[in-house]
Amino acid sequence: MKYIYIINGRADKLPQYQELYDQLKEIPHTYEIYTTLGEGDATRYVRLYCDLHPEEEVCFVACGGNGITNGVASGLVGFIETSKQDDKQANKTMAILYIGGATEDFIINFPGRNFRSVKDMLAGTVTPVDVIKINDSYCVNVCNIGFNSRVASRANELVAKGKSAHQAYTRGVANAVLTSRFNRIRVTVDGERINRGYMILCTLANGRRVGGEFNCAPNAKVDDGLIEVCLFRPMSLLRFLLLIPLYRKGEHIGSKPGKNKIIYRQARKVEFSCKDLIDVYLDGEQLPGSHFEAKILPGALPLRLPPIVKSR
């Protein structure tokens, strides 16, 4: 099997990959390194490679954080969705290596595994995990709508300026409190409209955590064939501020401050729309539009997971 390590080509990201290069020197195996050229390039590269090498057995290794993970997964799942032959689906897989200071939002869904080790990754086994498809795009972890979209937008701006992911997301929350607490977006879950008028935020989650520390969907499982939908209705600023720490801990669902203000559902299909053009964020990646249809793709991503580390 060939392993293709896909790394972020942004100039400020490249120095963090020394850890990867050091490991690759010590472990003999067949591999290549691909450095992305810009936004969306990981998806294009994986999809094109799969199209040009349908018979080759290859594992695409996303090296970094949410953006690279989403890009690689989107390319692979897009190929698998349009490939009708089982042999094409069986010989293309994906793995994740946590590198540098990237956020670990998706890999926390797999506790007890070492995502920093090339050796452990090579010893891994393939497990099918769910993916959320939104229009023609894909989300492996969390889709943010409304308030959270503003948080992600501001956080991305700050990360590009050199702030850590933790600092950027925290400051993004502070900014959104002032600018994005009233969003007129219609949300329909499995055919049932769940909100009227304005809302603060809505998350569609496959994984449990977003922004490096906010446990938005504590009950989420990446292999249950369900989307975790959590919507915050409009509320006073004080109540919302009381909910933020609970949201961070994953204790917001069923909480006293959230009573009658949080709508929680598990779903297979979700639609949301707005009269104006809005941005939603899929694993931190921007997707503009005014109407979105989301559905769960059970077991769509063949993910190579490192073995569980045995406690001593």
Protein backbone atom coordinates (compact mmCIF):
# COMPACT_ATOMS: atom_id res chain seq x y z
CA MET A 1 0.00 0.00 0.00
CA LYS A 2 1.09 3.55 -0.73
CA TYR A 3 0.60 6.31 1.84
CA ILE A 4 0.21 9.90 0.63
CA TYR A 5 0.83 12.45 3.38
CA ILE A 6 -1.07 15.66 2.65
CA ILE A 7 0.25 18.75 4.41
CA ASN A 8 -0.86 22.37 4.51
CA GLY A 9 1.23 24.45 2.14
CA ARG A 10 0.59 27.75 3.89
CA ALA A 11 3.97 29.32 4.73
CA ASP A 12 3.27 29.69 8.44
CA LYS A 13 2.22 26.02 8.69
CA LEU A 14 5.20 24.36 7.02
CA PRO A 15 7.67 24.56 9.96
CA GLN A 16 5.37 22.48 12.17
CA TYR A 17 5.84 19.43 9.93
CA GLN A 18 9.40 18.72 11.08
CA GLU A 19 7.90 16.23 13.55
CA LEU A 20 6.41 14.33 10.61
CA TYR A 21 9.61 14.39 8.53
CA ASP A 22 11.61 12.99 11.45
CA GLN A 23 9.24 10.06 11.83
CA LEU A 24 9.18 9.29 8.12
CA LYS A 25 12.98 8.99 8.05
CA GLU A 26 12.85 6.25 10.69
CA ILE A 27 10.01 4.12 9.32
CA PRO A 28 10.50 2.51 5.90
CA HIS A 29 7.31 2.29 3.84
CA THR A 30 6.06 3.42 0.45
CA TYR A 31 4.93 7.02 0.64
CA GLU A 32 4.73 10.41 -1.01
CA ILE A 33 4.21 13.88 0.44
CA TYR A 34 1.80 16.32 -1.18
CA THR A 35 1.84 19.99 -0.18
CA THR A 36 -1.43 21.81 -0.83
CA LEU A 37 -1.36 24.86 -3.09
CA GLY A 38 -4.30 26.76 -1.61
CA GLU A 39 -7.88 26.61 -0.41
CA GLY A 40 -9.75 23.53 -1.62
CA ASP A 41 -6.63 21.95 -3.10
CA ALA A 42 -6.61 18.89 -0.80
CA THR A 43 -10.09 17.93 -2.01
CA ARG A 44 -9.19 18.45 -5.67
CA TYR A 45 -5.95 16.51 -5.35
CA VAL A 46 -7.48 13.46 -3.61
CA ARG A 47 -10.39 13.30 -6.03
CA LEU A 48 -8.15 13.60 -9.10
CA TYR A 49 -5.68 11.04 -7.77
CA CYS A 50 -8.47 8.54 -7.17
CA ASP A 51 -9.88 9.13 -10.65
CA LEU A 52 -6.48 8.64 -12.30
CA HIS A 53 -5.43 5.61 -10.18
CA PRO A 54 -8.63 3.60 -9.61
CA GLU A 55 -6.82 0.28 -9.09
CA GLU A 56 -4.10 1.53 -6.75
CA GLU A 57 -4.29 0.75 -3.04
CA VAL A 58 -3.60 4.01 -1.25
CA CYS A 59 -4.20 5.68 2.10
CA PHE A 60 -4.44 9.48 2.14
CA VAL A 61 -3.06 10.81 5.42
CA ALA A 62 -4.41 14.21 6.51
CA CYS A 63 -1.60 15.89 8.44
CA GLY A 64 -2.85 18.83 10.49
CA GLY A 65 -6.16 20.08 11.80
CA ASN A 66 -9.79 20.43 10.83
CA GLY A 67 -9.24 22.02 7.42
CA ILE A 68 -6.89 19.34 6.06
CA THR A 69 -9.07 16.59 7.56
CA ASN A 70 -12.17 18.01 5.88
CA GLY A 71 -10.37 18.51 2.56
CA VAL A 72 -9.00 14.98 2.35
CA ALA A 73 -12.25 13.41 3.53
CA SER A 74 -14.29 15.46 1.05
CA GLY A 75 -12.14 14.33 -1.87
CA LEU A 76 -12.27 10.67 -0.85
CA VAL A 77 -15.99 10.54 -0.01
CA GLY A 78 -16.81 12.43 -3.21
CA PHE A 79 -14.93 9.79 -5.19
CA ILE A 80 -16.55 6.88 -3.34
CA GLU A 81 -20.04 8.37 -3.78
CA THR A 82 -19.68 8.48 -7.55
CA SER A 83 -17.82 5.16 -7.84
CA LYS A 84 -20.22 2.29 -8.16
CA GLN A 85 -17.67 -0.53 -8.11
CA ASP A 86 -16.86 -2.11 -4.77
CA ASP A 87 -13.19 -2.64 -5.60
CA LYS A 88 -12.70 1.13 -6.01
CA GLN A 89 -14.23 1.75 -2.62
CA ALA A 90 -12.15 -0.92 -0.88
CA ASN A 91 -8.69 0.19 -1.95
CA LYS A 92 -8.89 3.89 -1.00
CA THR A 93 -8.77 4.85 2.68
CA MET A 94 -7.91 7.83 4.88
CA ALA A 95 -5.92 8.38 8.07
CA ILE A 96 -5.26 11.39 10.32
CA LEU A 97 -2.03 12.59 11.92
CA TYR A 98 -2.31 15.36 14.49
CA ILE A 99 0.55 17.74 13.77
CA GLY A 100 1.67 20.89 15.56
CA GLY A 101 -0.87 23.20 17.16
CA ALA A 102 -3.90 22.21 15.14
CA THR A 103 -7.18 21.63 16.97
CA GLU A 104 -8.06 18.02 17.74
CA ASP A 105 -11.83 18.33 17.45
CA PHE A 106 -12.52 15.26 15.33
CA ILE A 107 -10.01 12.82 16.78
CA ILE A 108 -11.37 13.21 20.32
CA ASN A 109 -14.20 10.98 19.13
CA PHE A 110 -11.68 8.11 19.23
CA PRO A 111 -10.23 8.09 22.77
CA GLY A 112 -7.19 6.06 23.75
CA ARG A 113 -5.50 6.23 20.33
CA ASN A 114 -2.26 7.96 19.41
CA PHE A 115 -2.82 10.17 16.38
CA ARG A 116 0.70 11.62 16.55
CA SER A 117 2.51 8.43 15.61
CA VAL A 118 3.22 7.30 12.05
CA LYS A 119 4.06 3.85 13.41
CA ASP A 120 0.68 3.55 15.12
CA MET A 121 -1.11 4.84 12.04
CA LEU A 122 0.52 2.16 9.90
CA ALA A 123 -0.63 -0.49 12.38
CA GLY A 124 -4.21 0.79 12.28
CA THR A 125 -7.37 -0.85 11.02
CA VAL A 126 -10.08 0.64 8.84
CA THR A 127 -13.36 1.63 10.45
CA PRO A 128 -16.27 3.17 8.47
CA VAL A 129 -17.49 6.44 9.98
CA ASP A 130 -20.41 8.69 9.07
CA VAL A 131 -20.20 11.90 7.07
CA ILE A 132 -22.71 14.75 6.76
CA LYS A 133 -23.33 15.87 3.18
CA ILE A 134 -24.52 19.47 2.84
CA ASN A 135 -25.53 20.36 -0.71
CA ASP A 136 -22.47 19.14 -2.65
CA SER A 137 -20.01 19.53 0.26
CA TYR A 138 -19.07 17.27 3.14
CA CYS A 139 -18.62 17.62 6.90
CA VAL A 140 -16.94 15.01 9.09
CA ASN A 141 -17.25 16.80 12.42
CA VAL A 142 -19.52 19.84 12.93
CA CYS A 143 -21.46 22.28 10.76
CA ASN A 144 -22.01 25.73 12.33
CA ILE A 145 -24.92 28.04 11.48
CA GLY A 146 -25.65 31.56 12.73
CA PHE A 147 -23.71 32.67 15.82
CA ASN A 148 -21.17 29.87 15.47
CA SER A 149 -20.55 30.82 11.85
CA ARG A 150 -19.57 34.29 12.95
CA VAL A 151 -17.30 32.74 15.59
CA ALA A 152 -15.61 30.55 12.97
CA SER A 153 -15.23 33.47 10.55
CA ARG A 154 -13.57 35.67 13.15
CA ALA A 155 -11.43 32.80 14.44
CA ASN A 156 -10.14 32.04 10.94
CA GLU A 157 -9.19 35.70 10.51
CA LEU A 158 -7.24 35.64 13.78
CA VAL A 159 -5.51 32.33 13.09
CA ALA A 160 -4.33 33.74 9.75
CA LYS A 161 -2.79 36.60 11.74
CA GLY A 162 -0.85 34.20 13.96
CA LYS A 163 -3.17 33.66 16.94
CA SER A 164 -3.49 30.17 18.40
CA ALA A 165 -6.69 28.24 17.65
CA HIS A 166 -7.74 28.51 21.30
CA GLN A 167 -7.19 32.29 21.45
CA ALA A 168 -8.86 32.83 18.10
CA TYR A 169 -12.00 30.84 18.93
CA THR A 170 -12.41 32.47 22.35
CA ARG A 171 -12.10 35.94 20.83
CA GLY A 172 -14.45 34.90 18.06
CA VAL A 173 -17.09 34.05 20.67
CA ALA A 174 -16.70 37.49 22.27
CA ASN A 175 -17.10 39.17 18.88
CA ALA A 176 -20.17 37.14 17.94
CA VAL A 177 -21.90 37.95 21.25
CA LEU A 178 -21.98 41.55 20.09
CA THR A 179 -22.73 41.02 16.40
CA SER A 180 -24.60 37.77 15.74
CA ARG A 181 -27.25 36.86 18.32
CA PHE A 182 -30.27 37.34 16.02
CA ASN A 183 -30.29 35.26 12.86
CA ARG A 184 -33.43 34.75 10.79
CA ILE A 185 -32.78 31.24 9.49
CA ARG A 186 -35.44 28.57 9.00
CA VAL A 187 -34.51 25.06 10.16
CA THR A 188 -36.43 21.88 9.27
CA VAL A 189 -35.50 18.52 10.80
CA ASP A 190 -36.77 15.33 9.12
CA GLY A 191 -39.65 17.35 7.64
CA GLU A 192 -40.55 19.20 10.87
CA ARG A 193 -39.86 22.92 11.18
CA ILE A 194 -38.33 23.43 14.63
CA ASN A 195 -38.04 27.21 14.88
CA ARG A 196 -40.01 30.37 14.17
CA GLY A 197 -38.50 33.76 13.51
CA TYR A 198 -35.01 34.34 14.82
CA MET A 199 -32.46 31.99 16.33
CA ILE A 200 -29.01 32.44 17.83
CA LEU A 201 -27.23 29.38 16.54
CA CYS A 202 -27.66 25.87 15.23
CA THR A 203 -25.12 23.06 15.02
CA LEU A 204 -25.33 19.92 12.91
CA ALA A 205 -22.89 17.52 14.50
CA ASN A 206 -21.35 14.20 13.63
CA GLY A 207 -18.62 14.63 16.27
CA ARG A 208 -18.79 16.00 19.79
CA ARG A 209 -16.56 19.07 19.93
CA VAL A 210 -15.85 22.26 18.00
CA GLY A 211 -13.37 25.12 18.40
CA GLY A 212 -10.94 23.07 20.44
CA GLU A 213 -12.96 23.27 23.65
CA PHE A 214 -16.72 23.62 23.05
CA ASN A 215 -18.53 20.31 23.54
CA CYS A 216 -21.50 21.21 21.38
CA ALA A 217 -22.85 17.66 20.92
CA PRO A 218 -21.90 15.53 23.94
CA ASN A 219 -24.10 12.63 22.82
CA ALA A 220 -22.75 12.42 19.28
CA LYS A 221 -21.38 9.20 17.84
CA VAL A 222 -19.58 9.11 14.52
CA ASP A 223 -21.03 5.75 13.51
CA ASP A 224 -24.72 5.85 14.56
CA GLY A 225 -26.18 7.15 11.28
CA LEU A 226 -27.59 10.28 12.94
CA ILE A 227 -27.00 14.04 12.90
CA GLU A 228 -27.10 15.77 16.29
CA VAL A 229 -29.07 19.01 15.83
CA CYS A 230 -28.88 21.68 18.54
CA LEU A 231 -30.62 25.05 18.09
CA PHE A 232 -30.53 28.00 20.48
CA ARG A 233 -33.64 30.18 20.40
CA PRO A 234 -33.34 33.95 21.02
CA MET A 235 -32.77 34.78 24.70
CA SER A 236 -31.50 37.55 26.90
CA LEU A 237 -27.80 38.31 26.82
CA LEU A 238 -27.50 37.33 30.48
CA ARG A 239 -29.04 33.91 29.93
CA PHE A 240 -26.86 33.33 26.89
CA LEU A 241 -23.74 34.26 28.83
CA LEU A 242 -24.76 31.77 31.51
CA LEU A 243 -25.11 29.09 28.84
CA ILE A 244 -21.70 29.58 27.24
CA PRO A 245 -19.72 27.85 30.06
CA LEU A 246 -22.21 24.96 29.97
CA TYR A 247 -21.86 24.81 26.19
CA ARG A 248 -18.11 24.56 26.64
CA LYS A 249 -18.48 21.62 29.05
CA GLY A 250 -21.23 19.88 27.08
CA GLU A 251 -23.77 20.45 29.85
CA HIS A 252 -26.12 22.80 27.98
CA ILE A 253 -28.70 20.20 26.90
CA GLY A 254 -31.32 19.88 29.64
CA SER A 255 -29.75 22.65 31.74
CA LYS A 256 -31.78 25.19 33.70
CA PRO A 257 -30.56 28.24 31.71
CA GLY A 258 -31.35 26.35 28.51
CA LYS A 259 -34.90 25.39 29.49
CA ASN A 260 -37.34 26.25 26.68
CA LYS A 261 -34.47 27.91 24.81
CA ILE A 262 -32.56 24.92 23.43
CA ILE A 263 -34.06 22.57 20.85
CA TYR A 264 -32.27 19.26 20.47
CA ARG A 265 -32.99 16.59 17.88
CA GLN A 266 -31.38 13.57 16.28
CA ALA A 267 -32.02 13.45 12.56
CA ARG A 268 -31.13 11.99 9.19
CA LYS A 269 -32.06 15.02 7.10
CA VAL A 270 -31.97 18.74 7.90
CA GLU A 271 -32.81 21.76 5.76
CA PHE A 272 -32.04 25.37 6.58
CA SER A 273 -32.62 28.50 4.56
CA CYS A 274 -32.44 32.26 4.76
CA LYS A 275 -33.70 35.08 2.52
CA ASP A 276 -30.21 36.59 2.56
CA LEU A 277 -26.89 35.04 1.60
CA ILE A 278 -25.25 33.49 4.66
CA ASP A 279 -22.09 31.56 5.42
CA VAL A 280 -22.12 28.20 7.15
CA TYR A 281 -18.93 26.53 8.28
CA LEU A 282 -18.19 22.84 7.73
CA ASP A 283 -15.30 21.79 9.97
CA GLY A 284 -14.20 25.42 9.87
CA GLU A 285 -14.44 25.67 6.08
CA GLN A 286 -16.72 28.38 4.65
CA LEU A 287 -19.75 27.49 2.52
CA PRO A 288 -21.90 30.44 1.32
CA GLY A 289 -25.51 30.13 0.22
CA SER A 290 -29.15 30.73 1.13
CA HIS A 291 -30.58 27.20 1.06
CA PHE A 292 -28.88 24.09 2.37
CA GLU A 293 -29.90 20.44 2.51
CA ALA A 294 -28.01 18.16 4.86
CA LYS A 295 -28.18 14.39 5.11
CA ILE A 296 -26.18 11.74 6.89
CA LEU A 297 -24.09 9.29 4.86
CA PRO A 298 -23.71 6.28 7.18
CA GLY A 299 -20.26 4.70 7.11
CA ALA A 300 -19.22 6.74 4.07
CA LEU A 301 -15.62 7.39 5.15
CA PRO A 302 -13.17 4.45 5.44
CA LEU A 303 -10.96 5.80 8.23
CA ARG A 304 -7.77 4.04 9.31
CA LEU A 305 -7.65 4.29 13.11
CA PRO A 306 -4.49 3.62 15.14
CA PRO A 307 -4.81 0.84 17.73
CA ILE A 308 -6.00 1.68 21.22
CA VAL A 309 -3.00 2.26 23.44
CA LYS A 310 -2.92 -0.28 26.24
CA SER A 311 -2.60 1.28 29.67
CA ARG A 312 0.31 0.06 31.75
